[in-house]
């Protein structure tokens, strides 16, 4: 699933750079993005917060990544260390995550993200 790994790398680089065009291409229109705080965003809300600087991803380091291929669906799980500036707060934390990619109209897009904060 090299294609999914590449999309994950592009998505994370775009989140750090505030790259609206790449996020728009990688994220499905009906995306459900559930943050580690349980806050849920649509694609438009997520991209708007990232590109406005309201939520700024400083770093996003993943490990223990596992991708399961189910044909037109891929489930990605792993661990991540994040550094985020959100609402003028400097946040550093770790999460376990699950995200789902589906092949839509011939290309892969992320349709869901769910993360759980690991207690300090």
PDB file of N, CA and C in Angstrom:
ATOM      1  N   UNK A   1       0.826  -1.197   0.000  1.00  0.00           N
ATOM      2  CA  UNK A   1       0.000   0.000   0.000  1.00  0.00           C
ATOM      3  C   UNK A   1       0.868   1.258   0.000  1.00  0.00           C
ATOM      4  N   UNK A   2       1.843   1.242  -0.884  1.00  0.00           N
ATOM      5  CA  UNK A   2       2.735   2.396  -1.023  1.00  0.00           C
ATOM      6  C   UNK A   2       1.966   3.673  -1.350  1.00  0.00           C
ATOM      7  N   UNK A   3       0.887   3.538  -2.127  1.00  0.00           N
ATOM      8  CA  UNK A   3       0.093   4.708  -2.510  1.00  0.00           C
ATOM      9  C   UNK A   3      -0.528   5.370  -1.279  1.00  0.00           C
ATOM     10  N   UNK A   4      -0.994   4.578  -0.329  1.00  0.00           N
ATOM     11  CA  UNK A   4      -1.596   5.120   0.897  1.00  0.00           C
ATOM     12  C   UNK A   4      -0.523   5.795   1.751  1.00  0.00           C
ATOM     13  N   UNK A   5       0.645   5.180   1.863  1.00  0.00           N
ATOM     14  CA  UNK A   5       1.741   5.796   2.624  1.00  0.00           C
ATOM     15  C   UNK A   5       2.099   7.150   2.016  1.00  0.00           C
ATOM     16  N   UNK A   6       2.169   7.206   0.690  1.00  0.00           N
ATOM     17  CA  UNK A   6       2.487   8.466   0.015  1.00  0.00           C
ATOM     18  C   UNK A   6       1.411   9.518   0.278  1.00  0.00           C
ATOM     19  N   UNK A   7       0.137   9.121   0.229  1.00  0.00           N
ATOM     20  CA  UNK A   7      -0.945  10.068   0.513  1.00  0.00           C
ATOM     21  C   UNK A   7      -0.889  10.563   1.959  1.00  0.00           C
ATOM     22  N   UNK A   8      -0.575   9.660   2.880  1.00  0.00           N
ATOM     23  CA  UNK A   8      -0.433  10.053   4.293  1.00  0.00           C
ATOM     24  C   UNK A   8       0.691  11.081   4.436  1.00  0.00           C
ATOM     25  N   UNK A   9       1.820  10.826   3.771  1.00  0.00           N
ATOM     26  CA  UNK A   9       2.940  11.760   3.836  1.00  0.00           C
ATOM     27  C   UNK A   9       2.570  13.114   3.231  1.00  0.00           C
ATOM     28  N   UNK A  10       1.851  13.091   2.108  1.00  0.00           N
ATOM     29  CA  UNK A  10       1.410  14.340   1.475  1.00  0.00           C
ATOM     30  C   UNK A  10       0.441  15.095   2.382  1.00  0.00           C
ATOM     31  N   UNK A  11      -0.494  14.370   2.998  1.00  0.00           N
ATOM     32  CA  UNK A  11      -1.497  14.999   3.875  1.00  0.00           C
ATOM     33  C   UNK A  11      -0.814  15.676   5.059  1.00  0.00           C
ATOM     34  N   UNK A  12       0.105  14.983   5.703  1.00  0.00           N
ATOM     35  CA  UNK A  12       0.769  15.541   6.877  1.00  0.00           C
ATOM     36  C   UNK A  12       1.629  16.748   6.488  1.00  0.00           C
ATOM     37  N   UNK A  13       2.364  16.647   5.385  1.00  0.00           N
ATOM     38  CA  UNK A  13       3.152  17.790   4.911  1.00  0.00           C
ATOM     39  C   UNK A  13       2.236  18.977   4.609  1.00  0.00           C
ATOM     40  N   UNK A  14       1.076  18.715   4.027  1.00  0.00           N
ATOM     41  CA  UNK A  14       0.117  19.781   3.709  1.00  0.00           C
ATOM     42  C   UNK A  14      -0.472  20.388   4.976  1.00  0.00           C
ATOM     43  N   UNK A  15      -0.707  19.581   6.003  1.00  0.00           N
ATOM     44  CA  UNK A  15      -1.213  20.109   7.274  1.00  0.00           C
ATOM     45  C   UNK A  15      -0.184  21.052   7.890  1.00  0.00           C
ATOM     46  N   UNK A  16       1.081  20.677   7.854  1.00  0.00           N
ATOM     47  CA  UNK A  16       2.144  21.510   8.431  1.00  0.00           C
ATOM     48  C   UNK A  16       2.326  22.790   7.609  1.00  0.00           C
ATOM     49  N   UNK A  17       2.224  22.678   6.290  1.00  0.00           N
ATOM     50  CA  UNK A  17       2.436  23.828   5.403  1.00  0.00           C
ATOM     51  C   UNK A  17       1.189  24.697   5.222  1.00  0.00           C
ATOM     52  N   UNK A  18       0.025  24.201   5.656  1.00  0.00           N
ATOM     53  CA  UNK A  18      -1.217  24.936   5.406  1.00  0.00           C
ATOM     54  C   UNK A  18      -1.573  24.942   3.937  1.00  0.00           C
ATOM     55  N   UNK A  19      -1.273  23.836   3.253  1.00  0.00           N
ATOM     56  CA  UNK A  19      -1.444  23.699   1.803  1.00  0.00           C
ATOM     57  C   UNK A  19      -2.885  23.272   1.482  1.00  0.00           C
ATOM     58  N   UNK A  20      -3.709  24.250   1.172  1.00  0.00           N
ATOM     59  CA  UNK A  20      -5.133  24.009   0.924  1.00  0.00           C
ATOM     60  C   UNK A  20      -5.380  23.093  -0.272  1.00  0.00           C
ATOM     61  N   UNK A  21      -4.653  23.281  -1.358  1.00  0.00           N
ATOM     62  CA  UNK A  21      -4.882  22.503  -2.584  1.00  0.00           C
ATOM     63  C   UNK A  21      -4.625  21.012  -2.338  1.00  0.00           C
ATOM     64  N   UNK A  22      -3.533  20.693  -1.653  1.00  0.00           N
ATOM     65  CA  UNK A  22      -3.230  19.282  -1.388  1.00  0.00           C
ATOM     66  C   UNK A  22      -4.249  18.683  -0.435  1.00  0.00           C
ATOM     67  N   UNK A  23      -4.612  19.417   0.621  1.00  0.00           N
ATOM     68  CA  UNK A  23      -5.624  18.905   1.551  1.00  0.00           C
ATOM     69  C   UNK A  23      -6.946  18.670   0.817  1.00  0.00           C
ATOM     70  N   UNK A  24      -7.316  19.590  -0.048  1.00  0.00           N
ATOM     71  CA  UNK A  24      -8.567  19.446  -0.800  1.00  0.00           C
ATOM     72  C   UNK A  24      -8.546  18.196  -1.665  1.00  0.00           C
ATOM     73  N   UNK A  25      -7.381  17.863  -2.233  1.00  0.00           N
ATOM     74  CA  UNK A  25      -7.274  16.689  -3.099  1.00  0.00           C
ATOM     75  C   UNK A  25      -7.265  15.384  -2.312  1.00  0.00           C
ATOM     76  N   UNK A  26      -6.602  15.367  -1.165  1.00  0.00           N
ATOM     77  CA  UNK A  26      -6.432  14.126  -0.399  1.00  0.00           C
ATOM     78  C   UNK A  26      -7.651  13.807   0.467  1.00  0.00           C
ATOM     79  N   UNK A  27      -8.365  14.824   0.936  1.00  0.00           N
ATOM     80  CA  UNK A  27      -9.502  14.613   1.833  1.00  0.00           C
ATOM     81  C   UNK A  27     -10.802  14.509   1.040  1.00  0.00           C
ATOM     82  N   UNK A  28     -11.612  13.516   1.378  1.00  0.00           N
ATOM     83  CA  UNK A  28     -12.909  13.332   0.713  1.00  0.00           C
ATOM     84  C   UNK A  28     -13.876  14.443   1.121  1.00  0.00           C
ATOM     85  N   UNK A  29     -14.806  14.757   0.234  1.00  0.00           N
ATOM     86  CA  UNK A  29     -15.778  15.818   0.515  1.00  0.00           C
ATOM     87  C   UNK A  29     -16.609  15.535   1.752  1.00  0.00           C
ATOM     88  N   UNK A  30     -16.857  14.261   2.038  1.00  0.00           N
ATOM     89  CA  UNK A  30     -17.681  13.900   3.202  1.00  0.00           C
ATOM     90  C   UNK A  30     -16.836  13.466   4.405  1.00  0.00           C
ATOM     91  N   UNK A  31     -15.590  13.951   4.458  1.00  0.00           N
ATOM     92  CA  UNK A  31     -14.673  13.626   5.551  1.00  0.00           C
ATOM     93  C   UNK A  31     -15.306  13.872   6.923  1.00  0.00           C
ATOM     94  N   UNK A  32     -15.038  12.954   7.846  1.00  0.00           N
ATOM     95  CA  UNK A  32     -15.357  13.135   9.259  1.00  0.00           C
ATOM     96  C   UNK A  32     -14.019  13.100   9.992  1.00  0.00           C
ATOM     97  N   UNK A  33     -13.598  14.249  10.538  1.00  0.00           N
ATOM     98  CA  UNK A  33     -12.303  14.367  11.211  1.00  0.00           C
ATOM     99  C   UNK A  33     -12.562  14.551  12.698  1.00  0.00           C
ATOM    100  N   UNK A  34     -12.275  13.515  13.487  1.00  0.00           N
ATOM    101  CA  UNK A  34     -12.513  13.560  14.927  1.00  0.00           C
ATOM    102  C   UNK A  34     -11.174  13.719  15.640  1.00  0.00           C
ATOM    103  N   UNK A  35     -11.005  14.873  16.269  1.00  0.00           N
ATOM    104  CA  UNK A  35      -9.771  15.195  16.982  1.00  0.00           C
ATOM    105  C   UNK A  35      -9.687  14.412  18.296  1.00  0.00           C
ATOM    106  N   UNK A  36      -8.503  14.427  18.904  1.00  0.00           N
ATOM    107  CA  UNK A  36      -8.286  13.723  20.173  1.00  0.00           C
ATOM    108  C   UNK A  36      -9.086  14.339  21.313  1.00  0.00           C
ATOM    109  N   UNK A  37      -9.625  15.530  21.101  1.00  0.00           N
ATOM    110  CA  UNK A  37     -10.478  16.191  22.096  1.00  0.00           C
ATOM    111  C   UNK A  37     -11.948  15.837  21.906  1.00  0.00           C
ATOM    112  N   UNK A  38     -12.250  15.010  20.917  1.00  0.00           N
ATOM    113  CA  UNK A  38     -13.601  14.595  20.527  1.00  0.00           C
ATOM    114  C   UNK A  38     -14.311  15.642  19.679  1.00  0.00           C
ATOM    115  N   UNK A  39     -13.631  16.740  19.343  1.00  0.00           N
ATOM    116  CA  UNK A  39     -14.216  17.736  18.448  1.00  0.00           C
ATOM    117  C   UNK A  39     -14.247  17.145  17.037  1.00  0.00           C
ATOM    118  N   UNK A  40     -15.381  17.309  16.353  1.00  0.00           N
ATOM    119  CA  UNK A  40     -15.570  16.752  15.021  1.00  0.00           C
ATOM    120  C   UNK A  40     -15.642  17.897  14.017  1.00  0.00           C
ATOM    121  N   UNK A  41     -14.921  17.715  12.907  1.00  0.00           N
ATOM    122  CA  UNK A  41     -14.933  18.720  11.848  1.00  0.00           C
ATOM    123  C   UNK A  41     -15.258  18.087  10.510  1.00  0.00           C
ATOM    124  N   UNK A  42     -15.878  18.873   9.651  1.00  0.00           N
ATOM    125  CA  UNK A  42     -16.067  18.498   8.256  1.00  0.00           C
ATOM    126  C   UNK A  42     -14.774  18.824   7.505  1.00  0.00           C
ATOM    127  N   UNK A  43     -14.724  18.442   6.251  1.00  0.00           N
ATOM    128  CA  UNK A  43     -13.573  18.775   5.418  1.00  0.00           C
ATOM    129  C   UNK A  43     -13.371  20.285   5.375  1.00  0.00           C
ATOM    130  N   UNK A  44     -14.436  21.030   5.119  1.00  0.00           N
ATOM    131  CA  UNK A  44     -14.330  22.490   5.006  1.00  0.00           C
ATOM    132  C   UNK A  44     -13.865  23.113   6.310  1.00  0.00           C
ATOM    133  N   UNK A  45     -14.378  22.646   7.438  1.00  0.00           N
ATOM    134  CA  UNK A  45     -13.971  23.179   8.739  1.00  0.00           C
ATOM    135  C   UNK A  45     -12.502  22.879   9.012  1.00  0.00           C
ATOM    136  N   UNK A  46     -12.102  21.641   8.748  1.00  0.00           N
ATOM    137  CA  UNK A  46     -10.718  21.245   9.003  1.00  0.00           C
ATOM    138  C   UNK A  46      -9.753  22.074   8.158  1.00  0.00           C
ATOM    139  N   UNK A  47      -9.996  22.131   6.845  1.00  0.00           N
ATOM    140  CA  UNK A  47      -9.121  22.896   5.958  1.00  0.00           C
ATOM    141  C   UNK A  47      -9.132  24.370   6.353  1.00  0.00           C
ATOM    142  N   UNK A  48     -10.291  24.913   6.684  1.00  0.00           N
ATOM    143  CA  UNK A  48     -10.388  26.318   7.093  1.00  0.00           C
ATOM    144  C   UNK A  48      -9.561  26.619   8.326  1.00  0.00           C
ATOM    145  N   UNK A  49      -9.605  25.739   9.310  1.00  0.00           N
ATOM    146  CA  UNK A  49      -8.827  25.953  10.533  1.00  0.00           C
ATOM    147  C   UNK A  49      -7.327  25.843  10.284  1.00  0.00           C
ATOM    148  N   UNK A  50      -6.931  24.904   9.420  1.00  0.00           N
ATOM    149  CA  UNK A  50      -5.504  24.721   9.123  1.00  0.00           C
ATOM    150  C   UNK A  50      -4.966  25.888   8.285  1.00  0.00           C
ATOM    151  N   UNK A  51      -5.703  26.306   7.276  1.00  0.00           N
ATOM    152  CA  UNK A  51      -5.195  27.349   6.381  1.00  0.00           C
ATOM    153  C   UNK A  51      -5.295  28.746   7.001  1.00  0.00           C
ATOM    154  N   UNK A  52      -6.188  28.956   7.949  1.00  0.00           N
ATOM    155  CA  UNK A  52      -6.308  30.259   8.614  1.00  0.00           C
ATOM    156  C   UNK A  52      -5.255  30.442   9.699  1.00  0.00           C
ATOM    157  N   UNK A  53      -4.635  29.331  10.110  1.00  0.00           N
ATOM    158  CA  UNK A  53      -3.671  29.391  11.199  1.00  0.00           C
ATOM    159  C   UNK A  53      -4.299  29.199  12.564  1.00  0.00           C
ATOM    160  N   UNK A  54      -5.619  29.061  12.613  1.00  0.00           N
ATOM    161  CA  UNK A  54      -6.298  28.817  13.892  1.00  0.00           C
ATOM    162  C   UNK A  54      -5.763  27.539  14.533  1.00  0.00           C
ATOM    163  N   UNK A  55      -5.524  26.532  13.685  1.00  0.00           N
ATOM    164  CA  UNK A  55      -4.867  25.302  14.116  1.00  0.00           C
ATOM    165  C   UNK A  55      -3.612  25.171  13.260  1.00  0.00           C
ATOM    166  N   UNK A  56      -2.434  25.244  13.907  1.00  0.00           N
ATOM    167  CA  UNK A  56      -1.182  25.146  13.148  1.00  0.00           C
ATOM    168  C   UNK A  56      -0.412  23.919  13.613  1.00  0.00           C
ATOM    169  N   UNK A  57      -0.220  22.983  12.690  1.00  0.00           N
ATOM    170  CA  UNK A  57       0.554  21.779  12.976  1.00  0.00           C
ATOM    171  C   UNK A  57       2.026  22.101  12.797  1.00  0.00           C
ATOM    172  N   UNK A  58       2.786  22.066  13.900  1.00  0.00           N
ATOM    173  CA  UNK A  58       4.214  22.359  13.868  1.00  0.00           C
ATOM    174  C   UNK A  58       4.985  21.095  13.474  1.00  0.00           C
ATOM    175  N   UNK A  59       4.596  19.973  14.070  1.00  0.00           N
ATOM    176  CA  UNK A  59       5.199  18.688  13.708  1.00  0.00           C
ATOM    177  C   UNK A  59       4.194  17.570  13.937  1.00  0.00           C
ATOM    178  N   UNK A  60       4.391  16.478  13.205  1.00  0.00           N
ATOM    179  CA  UNK A  60       3.463  15.345  13.240  1.00  0.00           C
ATOM    180  C   UNK A  60       4.292  14.114  12.893  1.00  0.00           C
ATOM    181  N   UNK A  61       4.799  13.437  13.921  1.00  0.00           N
ATOM    182  CA  UNK A  61       5.694  12.299  13.718  1.00  0.00           C
ATOM    183  C   UNK A  61       4.958  11.003  14.002  1.00  0.00           C
ATOM    184  N   UNK A  62       4.945  10.097  13.016  1.00  0.00           N
ATOM    185  CA  UNK A  62       4.235   8.825  13.163  1.00  0.00           C
ATOM    186  C   UNK A  62       5.193   7.658  13.329  1.00  0.00           C
ATOM    187  N   UNK A  63       4.722   6.638  14.029  1.00  0.00           N
ATOM    188  CA  UNK A  63       5.418   5.356  14.067  1.00  0.00           C
ATOM    189  C   UNK A  63       4.383   4.257  14.310  1.00  0.00           C
ATOM    190  N   UNK A  64       4.849   3.035  14.313  1.00  0.00           N
ATOM    191  CA  UNK A  64       3.962   1.887  14.522  1.00  0.00           C
ATOM    192  C   UNK A  64       2.773   1.917  13.557  1.00  0.00           C
ATOM    193  N   UNK A  65       3.027   2.368  12.314  1.00  0.00           N
ATOM    194  CA  UNK A  65       1.953   2.508  11.325  1.00  0.00           C
ATOM    195  C   UNK A  65       1.668   1.163  10.670  1.00  0.00           C
ATOM    196  N   UNK A  66       0.396   0.822  10.606  1.00  0.00           N
ATOM    197  CA  UNK A  66      -0.049  -0.424   9.989  1.00  0.00           C
ATOM    198  C   UNK A  66      -1.176  -0.089   9.015  1.00  0.00           C
ATOM    199  N   UNK A  67      -1.093  -0.610   7.805  1.00  0.00           N
ATOM    200  CA  UNK A  67      -2.129  -0.370   6.797  1.00  0.00           C
ATOM    201  C   UNK A  67      -2.745  -1.702   6.420  1.00  0.00           C
ATOM    202  N   UNK A  68      -4.073  -1.774   6.523  1.00  0.00           N
ATOM    203  CA  UNK A  68      -4.796  -2.968   6.104  1.00  0.00           C
ATOM    204  C   UNK A  68      -5.595  -2.637   4.840  1.00  0.00           C
ATOM    205  N   UNK A  69      -5.401  -3.467   3.829  1.00  0.00           N
ATOM    206  CA  UNK A  69      -6.012  -3.268   2.511  1.00  0.00           C
ATOM    207  C   UNK A  69      -7.265  -4.127   2.396  1.00  0.00           C
ATOM    208  N   UNK A  70      -8.398  -3.484   2.120  1.00  0.00           N
ATOM    209  CA  UNK A  70      -9.666  -4.189   1.933  1.00  0.00           C
ATOM    210  C   UNK A  70     -10.232  -3.884   0.546  1.00  0.00           C
ATOM    211  N   UNK A  71      -9.379  -3.884  -0.454  1.00  0.00           N
ATOM    212  CA  UNK A  71      -9.832  -3.618  -1.820  1.00  0.00           C
ATOM    213  C   UNK A  71      -9.928  -2.129  -2.082  1.00  0.00           C
ATOM    214  N   UNK A  72     -11.145  -1.591  -2.026  1.00  0.00           N
ATOM    215  CA  UNK A  72     -11.345  -0.161  -2.251  1.00  0.00           C
ATOM    216  C   UNK A  72     -11.335   0.639  -0.961  1.00  0.00           C
ATOM    217  N   UNK A  73     -10.936   0.001   0.147  1.00  0.00           N
ATOM    218  CA  UNK A  73     -10.834   0.661   1.448  1.00  0.00           C
ATOM    219  C   UNK A  73      -9.511   0.269   2.087  1.00  0.00           C
ATOM    220  N   UNK A  74      -8.861   1.231   2.732  1.00  0.00           N
ATOM    221  CA  UNK A  74      -7.632   0.967   3.474  1.00  0.00           C
ATOM    222  C   UNK A  74      -7.778   1.584   4.856  1.00  0.00           C
ATOM    223  N   UNK A  75      -7.436   0.804   5.878  1.00  0.00           N
ATOM    224  CA  UNK A  75      -7.507   1.268   7.257  1.00  0.00           C
ATOM    225  C   UNK A  75      -6.076   1.434   7.766  1.00  0.00           C
ATOM    226  N   UNK A  76      -5.767   2.634   8.245  1.00  0.00           N
ATOM    227  CA  UNK A  76      -4.427   2.967   8.721  1.00  0.00           C
ATOM    228  C   UNK A  76      -4.507   3.184  10.234  1.00  0.00           C
ATOM    229  N   UNK A  77      -3.619   2.514  10.984  1.00  0.00           N
ATOM    230  CA  UNK A  77      -3.550   2.723  12.428  1.00  0.00           C
ATOM    231  C   UNK A  77      -2.104   3.033  12.796  1.00  0.00           C
ATOM    232  N   UNK A  78      -1.925   3.685  13.940  1.00  0.00           N
ATOM    233  CA  UNK A  78      -0.574   3.976  14.375  1.00  0.00           C
ATOM    234  C   UNK A  78      -0.531   4.874  15.588  1.00  0.00           C
ATOM    235  N   UNK A  79       0.670   5.347  15.860  1.00  0.00           N
ATOM    236  CA  UNK A  79       0.978   6.216  16.987  1.00  0.00           C
ATOM    237  C   UNK A  79       1.583   7.490  16.412  1.00  0.00           C
ATOM    238  N   UNK A  80       1.268   8.629  17.022  1.00  0.00           N
ATOM    239  CA  UNK A  80       1.852   9.886  16.537  1.00  0.00           C
ATOM    240  C   UNK A  80       2.175  10.809  17.700  1.00  0.00           C
ATOM    241  N   UNK A  81       3.266  11.566  17.504  1.00  0.00           N
ATOM    242  CA  UNK A  81       3.633  12.647  18.419  1.00  0.00           C
ATOM    243  C   UNK A  81       3.337  13.940  17.673  1.00  0.00           C
ATOM    244  N   UNK A  82       2.506  14.790  18.274  1.00  0.00           N
ATOM    245  CA  UNK A  82       2.099  16.025  17.615  1.00  0.00           C
ATOM    246  C   UNK A  82       2.536  17.239  18.409  1.00  0.00           C
ATOM    247  N   UNK A  83       2.856  18.293  17.668  1.00  0.00           N
ATOM    248  CA  UNK A  83       3.086  19.616  18.234  1.00  0.00           C
ATOM    249  C   UNK A  83       2.156  20.534  17.459  1.00  0.00           C
ATOM    250  N   UNK A  84       1.192  21.121  18.171  1.00  0.00           N
ATOM    251  CA  UNK A  84       0.144  21.913  17.537  1.00  0.00           C
ATOM    252  C   UNK A  84       0.003  23.243  18.270  1.00  0.00           C
ATOM    253  N   UNK A  85      -0.184  24.297  17.504  1.00  0.00           N
ATOM    254  CA  UNK A  85      -0.564  25.588  18.069  1.00  0.00           C
ATOM    255  C   UNK A  85      -2.047  25.751  17.752  1.00  0.00           C
ATOM    256  N   UNK A  86      -2.861  25.797  18.797  1.00  0.00           N
ATOM    257  CA  UNK A  86      -4.311  25.898  18.585  1.00  0.00           C
ATOM    258  C   UNK A  86      -4.886  26.926  19.549  1.00  0.00           C
ATOM    259  N   UNK A  87      -5.587  27.909  18.989  1.00  0.00           N
ATOM    260  CA  UNK A  87      -6.188  28.961  19.809  1.00  0.00           C
ATOM    261  C   UNK A  87      -5.154  29.572  20.760  1.00  0.00           C
ATOM    262  N   UNK A  88      -3.978  29.892  20.207  1.00  0.00           N
ATOM    263  CA  UNK A  88      -2.874  30.503  20.949  1.00  0.00           C
ATOM    264  C   UNK A  88      -2.323  29.629  22.073  1.00  0.00           C
ATOM    265  N   UNK A  89      -2.569  28.334  22.006  1.00  0.00           N
ATOM    266  CA  UNK A  89      -2.014  27.403  22.991  1.00  0.00           C
ATOM    267  C   UNK A  89      -0.982  26.521  22.303  1.00  0.00           C
ATOM    268  N   UNK A  90       0.153  26.316  22.981  1.00  0.00           N
ATOM    269  CA  UNK A  90       1.235  25.480  22.477  1.00  0.00           C
ATOM    270  C   UNK A  90       1.044  24.083  23.055  1.00  0.00           C
ATOM    271  N   UNK A  91       0.637  23.130  22.207  1.00  0.00           N
ATOM    272  CA  UNK A  91       0.273  21.799  22.673  1.00  0.00           C
ATOM    273  C   UNK A  91       1.213  20.739  22.109  1.00  0.00           C
ATOM    274  N   UNK A  92       1.721  19.900  22.982  1.00  0.00           N
ATOM    275  CA  UNK A  92       2.523  18.743  22.574  1.00  0.00           C
ATOM    276  C   UNK A  92       1.901  17.528  23.233  1.00  0.00           C
ATOM    277  N   UNK A  93       1.551  16.534  22.417  1.00  0.00           N
ATOM    278  CA  UNK A  93       0.880  15.356  22.948  1.00  0.00           C
ATOM    279  C   UNK A  93       1.066  14.180  22.001  1.00  0.00           C
ATOM    280  N   UNK A  94       0.671  12.999  22.478  1.00  0.00           N
ATOM    281  CA  UNK A  94       0.756  11.785  21.675  1.00  0.00           C
ATOM    282  C   UNK A  94      -0.639  11.192  21.524  1.00  0.00           C
ATOM    283  N   UNK A  95      -0.863  10.539  20.397  1.00  0.00           N
ATOM    284  CA  UNK A  95      -2.151   9.898  20.124  1.00  0.00           C
ATOM    285  C   UNK A  95      -1.950   8.519  19.508  1.00  0.00           C
ATOM    286  N   UNK A  96      -2.965   7.695  19.640  1.00  0.00           N
ATOM    287  CA  UNK A  96      -3.148   6.511  18.800  1.00  0.00           C
ATOM    288  C   UNK A  96      -4.190   6.964  17.780  1.00  0.00           C
ATOM    289  N   UNK A  97      -4.018   6.570  16.527  1.00  0.00           N
ATOM    290  CA  UNK A  97      -4.952   7.039  15.505  1.00  0.00           C
ATOM    291  C   UNK A  97      -5.427   5.912  14.606  1.00  0.00           C
ATOM    292  N   UNK A  98      -6.546   6.183  13.982  1.00  0.00           N
ATOM    293  CA  UNK A  98      -7.126   5.315  12.966  1.00  0.00           C
ATOM    294  C   UNK A  98      -7.637   6.243  11.869  1.00  0.00           C
ATOM    295  N   UNK A  99      -7.221   6.005  10.646  1.00  0.00           N
ATOM    296  CA  UNK A  99      -7.839   6.738   9.551  1.00  0.00           C
ATOM    297  C   UNK A  99      -8.164   5.793   8.418  1.00  0.00           C
ATOM    298  N   UNK A 100      -9.135   6.202   7.631  1.00  0.00           N
ATOM    299  CA  UNK A 100      -9.699   5.346   6.595  1.00  0.00           C
ATOM    300  C   UNK A 100      -9.628   6.063   5.257  1.00  0.00           C
ATOM    301  N   UNK A 101      -9.103   5.346   4.273  1.00  0.00           N
ATOM    302  CA  UNK A 101      -9.067   5.827   2.894  1.00  0.00           C
ATOM    303  C   UNK A 101      -9.977   4.946   2.053  1.00  0.00           C
ATOM    304  N   UNK A 102     -10.682   5.552   1.109  1.00  0.00           N
ATOM    305  CA  UNK A 102     -11.507   4.810   0.154  1.00  0.00           C
ATOM    306  C   UNK A 102     -11.123   5.239  -1.255  1.00  0.00           C
ATOM    307  N   UNK A 103     -11.232   4.284  -2.184  1.00  0.00           N
ATOM    308  CA  UNK A 103     -11.013   4.619  -3.588  1.00  0.00           C
ATOM    309  C   UNK A 103     -12.331   5.173  -4.114  1.00  0.00           C
ATOM    310  N   UNK A 104     -12.317   6.462  -4.437  1.00  0.00           N
ATOM    311  CA  UNK A 104     -13.513   7.158  -4.910  1.00  0.00           C
ATOM    312  C   UNK A 104     -13.251   7.677  -6.312  1.00  0.00           C
ATOM    313  N   UNK A 105     -14.058   7.267  -7.270  1.00  0.00           N
ATOM    314  CA  UNK A 105     -13.888   7.690  -8.660  1.00  0.00           C
ATOM    315  C   UNK A 105     -12.463   7.472  -9.154  1.00  0.00           C
ATOM    316  N   UNK A 106     -11.872   6.338  -8.744  1.00  0.00           N
ATOM    317  CA  UNK A 106     -10.556   5.959  -9.239  1.00  0.00           C
ATOM    318  C   UNK A 106      -9.367   6.468  -8.446  1.00  0.00           C
ATOM    319  N   UNK A 107      -9.590   7.343  -7.456  1.00  0.00           N
ATOM    320  CA  UNK A 107      -8.450   7.796  -6.650  1.00  0.00           C
ATOM    321  C   UNK A 107      -8.751   7.660  -5.162  1.00  0.00           C
ATOM    322  N   UNK A 108      -7.675   7.512  -4.407  1.00  0.00           N
ATOM    323  CA  UNK A 108      -7.790   7.342  -2.958  1.00  0.00           C
ATOM    324  C   UNK A 108      -7.976   8.683  -2.278  1.00  0.00           C
ATOM    325  N   UNK A 109      -8.907   8.714  -1.312  1.00  0.00           N
ATOM    326  CA  UNK A 109      -9.095   9.900  -0.484  1.00  0.00           C
ATOM    327  C   UNK A 109      -9.374   9.456   0.949  1.00  0.00           C
ATOM    328  N   UNK A 110      -8.956  10.296   1.904  1.00  0.00           N
ATOM    329  CA  UNK A 110      -9.213   9.991   3.307  1.00  0.00           C
ATOM    330  C   UNK A 110     -10.643  10.392   3.642  1.00  0.00           C
ATOM    331  N   UNK A 111     -11.406   9.434   4.187  1.00  0.00           N
ATOM    332  CA  UNK A 111     -12.805   9.679   4.511  1.00  0.00           C
ATOM    333  C   UNK A 111     -13.053   9.837   6.008  1.00  0.00           C
ATOM    334  N   UNK A 112     -12.111   9.346   6.848  1.00  0.00           N
ATOM    335  CA  UNK A 112     -12.319   9.449   8.293  1.00  0.00           C
ATOM    336  C   UNK A 112     -10.988   9.456   9.031  1.00  0.00           C
ATOM    337  N   UNK A 113     -10.960  10.202  10.129  1.00  0.00           N
ATOM    338  CA  UNK A 113      -9.821  10.252  11.051  1.00  0.00           C
ATOM    339  C   UNK A 113     -10.389  10.221  12.459  1.00  0.00           C
ATOM    340  N   UNK A 114      -9.766   9.422  13.312  1.00  0.00           N
ATOM    341  CA  UNK A 114     -10.151   9.351  14.719  1.00  0.00           C
ATOM    342  C   UNK A 114      -8.866   9.193  15.518  1.00  0.00           C
ATOM    343  N   UNK A 115      -8.655  10.031  16.520  1.00  0.00           N
ATOM    344  CA  UNK A 115      -7.470   9.903  17.352  1.00  0.00           C
ATOM    345  C   UNK A 115      -7.850   9.948  18.821  1.00  0.00           C
ATOM    346  N   UNK A 116      -7.063   9.247  19.625  1.00  0.00           N
ATOM    347  CA  UNK A 116      -7.266   9.195  21.071  1.00  0.00           C
ATOM    348  C   UNK A 116      -5.974   9.637  21.728  1.00  0.00           C
ATOM    349  N   UNK A 117      -6.077  10.648  22.579  1.00  0.00           N
ATOM    350  CA  UNK A 117      -4.889  11.166  23.264  1.00  0.00           C
ATOM    351  C   UNK A 117      -4.374  10.130  24.261  1.00  0.00           C
ATOM    352  N   UNK A 118      -3.057   9.964  24.261  1.00  0.00           N
ATOM    353  CA  UNK A 118      -2.402   9.092  25.234  1.00  0.00           C
ATOM    354  C   UNK A 118      -2.138   9.939  26.472  1.00  0.00           C
ATOM    355  N   UNK A 119      -2.569   9.483  27.641  1.00  0.00           N
ATOM    356  CA  UNK A 119      -2.354  10.294  28.858  1.00  0.00           C
ATOM    357  C   UNK A 119      -0.874  10.576  29.082  1.00  0.00           C
ATOM    358  N   UNK A 120      -0.587  11.774  29.594  1.00  0.00           N
ATOM    359  CA  UNK A 120       0.801  12.195  29.853  1.00  0.00           C
ATOM    360  C   UNK A 120       1.458  11.304  30.897  1.00  0.00           C
TER     361      UNK A 120
END
